[in-house]
Amino acid sequence: KFLTRSQANEKIFEYIEIFYNRQRLHSSNGYMSPSEFEDKMLRFEMVS
């Protein structure tokens, strides 16, 4: 599928950084995805 190892590395990096890390749950923020945590914090700041 990929012509070079560099192209494969680019796609893997893109998947991990753009999709996976933004979707996976993180124990450091209450087992929420980063986007859920950010939304919660923004709502909290609006109330404060």
N, C-alpha and C. Protein backbone atom coordinates (compact mmCIF):
# COMPACT_ATOMS: atom_id res chain seq x y z
N LYS A 1 0.81 -1.19 0.00
CA LYS A 1 0.00 0.00 0.00
C LYS A 1 0.86 1.26 0.00
N PHE A 2 1.96 1.24 0.73
CA PHE A 2 2.84 2.41 0.78
C PHE A 2 4.05 2.18 -0.11
N LEU A 3 4.47 3.22 -0.78
CA LEU A 3 5.62 3.11 -1.66
C LEU A 3 6.93 3.13 -0.89
N THR A 4 6.94 3.86 0.21
CA THR A 4 8.17 3.95 1.00
C THR A 4 7.87 3.78 2.49
N ARG A 5 8.90 3.47 3.22
CA ARG A 5 8.77 3.36 4.67
C ARG A 5 8.39 4.72 5.27
N SER A 6 8.89 5.78 4.69
CA SER A 6 8.59 7.13 5.16
C SER A 6 7.09 7.42 5.06
N GLN A 7 6.46 7.03 3.98
CA GLN A 7 5.02 7.23 3.82
C GLN A 7 4.25 6.44 4.88
N ALA A 8 4.67 5.23 5.15
CA ALA A 8 4.03 4.42 6.18
C ALA A 8 4.18 5.07 7.54
N ASN A 9 5.38 5.54 7.85
CA ASN A 9 5.62 6.20 9.13
C ASN A 9 4.75 7.44 9.29
N GLU A 10 4.59 8.21 8.22
CA GLU A 10 3.75 9.40 8.26
C GLU A 10 2.31 9.06 8.61
N LYS A 11 1.78 8.03 7.96
CA LYS A 11 0.39 7.63 8.20
C LYS A 11 0.20 7.08 9.61
N ILE A 12 1.16 6.33 10.10
CA ILE A 12 1.07 5.80 11.46
C ILE A 12 1.10 6.94 12.46
N PHE A 13 2.01 7.88 12.28
CA PHE A 13 2.10 9.05 13.16
C PHE A 13 0.79 9.83 13.13
N GLU A 14 0.26 10.05 11.94
CA GLU A 14 -0.99 10.78 11.77
C GLU A 14 -2.12 10.09 12.52
N TYR A 15 -2.22 8.77 12.38
CA TYR A 15 -3.27 8.02 13.05
C TYR A 15 -3.16 8.17 14.57
N ILE A 16 -1.96 7.98 15.10
CA ILE A 16 -1.77 8.03 16.55
C ILE A 16 -2.03 9.43 17.08
N GLU A 17 -1.44 10.43 16.48
CA GLU A 17 -1.54 11.80 17.00
C GLU A 17 -2.89 12.45 16.74
N ILE A 18 -3.47 12.21 15.58
CA ILE A 18 -4.70 12.90 15.22
C ILE A 18 -5.94 12.14 15.65
N PHE A 19 -5.92 10.83 15.55
CA PHE A 19 -7.13 10.07 15.89
C PHE A 19 -7.04 9.40 17.25
N TYR A 20 -6.11 8.49 17.40
CA TYR A 20 -6.07 7.63 18.59
C TYR A 20 -5.91 8.41 19.89
N ASN A 21 -4.93 9.28 19.97
CA ASN A 21 -4.69 10.00 21.23
C ASN A 21 -5.84 10.93 21.60
N ARG A 22 -6.62 11.35 20.63
CA ARG A 22 -7.76 12.22 20.93
C ARG A 22 -8.99 11.42 21.34
N GLN A 23 -9.00 10.12 21.05
CA GLN A 23 -10.15 9.28 21.35
C GLN A 23 -9.97 8.44 22.60
N ARG A 24 -8.74 8.03 22.87
CA ARG A 24 -8.54 7.08 23.97
C ARG A 24 -8.77 7.75 25.31
N LEU A 25 -9.14 6.94 26.29
CA LEU A 25 -9.41 7.43 27.62
C LEU A 25 -8.10 7.57 28.38
N HIS A 26 -7.99 8.61 29.17
CA HIS A 26 -6.77 8.87 29.94
C HIS A 26 -7.10 8.81 31.42
N SER A 27 -6.33 8.03 32.15
CA SER A 27 -6.56 7.91 33.60
C SER A 27 -6.29 9.22 34.32
N SER A 28 -5.41 10.04 33.79
CA SER A 28 -5.04 11.29 34.46
C SER A 28 -6.16 12.33 34.43
N ASN A 29 -7.16 12.13 33.58
CA ASN A 29 -8.27 13.10 33.55
C ASN A 29 -9.63 12.41 33.77
N GLY A 30 -9.63 11.43 34.66
CA GLY A 30 -10.89 10.79 35.03
C GLY A 30 -11.44 9.84 33.99
N TYR A 31 -10.58 9.23 33.22
CA TYR A 31 -10.97 8.27 32.18
C TYR A 31 -11.92 8.87 31.15
N MET A 32 -11.62 10.10 30.77
CA MET A 32 -12.35 10.76 29.69
C MET A 32 -11.39 10.92 28.52
N SER A 33 -11.95 11.06 27.34
CA SER A 33 -11.11 11.38 26.19
C SER A 33 -10.66 12.83 26.35
N PRO A 34 -9.57 13.21 25.70
CA PRO A 34 -9.12 14.60 25.81
C PRO A 34 -10.20 15.60 25.39
N SER A 35 -10.97 15.28 24.37
CA SER A 35 -12.01 16.23 23.93
C SER A 35 -13.12 16.34 24.97
N GLU A 36 -13.50 15.22 25.60
CA GLU A 36 -14.51 15.27 26.66
C GLU A 36 -14.00 16.11 27.84
N PHE A 37 -12.74 15.89 28.21
CA PHE A 37 -12.15 16.62 29.32
C PHE A 37 -12.10 18.12 29.02
N GLU A 38 -11.71 18.45 27.81
CA GLU A 38 -11.65 19.86 27.42
C GLU A 38 -13.03 20.51 27.47
N ASP A 39 -14.04 19.80 26.94
CA ASP A 39 -15.41 20.32 26.99
C ASP A 39 -15.85 20.56 28.43
N LYS A 40 -15.55 19.60 29.30
CA LYS A 40 -15.93 19.73 30.71
C LYS A 40 -15.24 20.94 31.34
N MET A 41 -13.96 21.11 31.06
CA MET A 41 -13.22 22.24 31.63
C MET A 41 -13.75 23.57 31.11
N LEU A 42 -14.09 23.63 29.83
CA LEU A 42 -14.64 24.87 29.27
C LEU A 42 -15.97 25.22 29.91
N ARG A 43 -16.82 24.21 30.12
CA ARG A 43 -18.10 24.46 30.79
C ARG A 43 -17.88 24.92 32.22
N PHE A 44 -16.91 24.33 32.90
CA PHE A 44 -16.59 24.70 34.27
C PHE A 44 -16.12 26.15 34.34
N GLU A 45 -15.28 26.55 33.38
CA GLU A 45 -14.76 27.92 33.36
C GLU A 45 -15.87 28.93 33.10
N MET A 46 -16.86 28.56 32.28
CA MET A 46 -17.97 29.46 32.00
C MET A 46 -18.81 29.70 33.25
N VAL A 47 -18.96 28.67 34.06
CA VAL A 47 -19.76 28.76 35.27
C VAL A 47 -19.03 29.57 36.34
N SER A 48 -17.72 29.46 36.38
CA SER A 48 -16.93 30.13 37.42
C SER A 48 -16.89 31.63 37.23
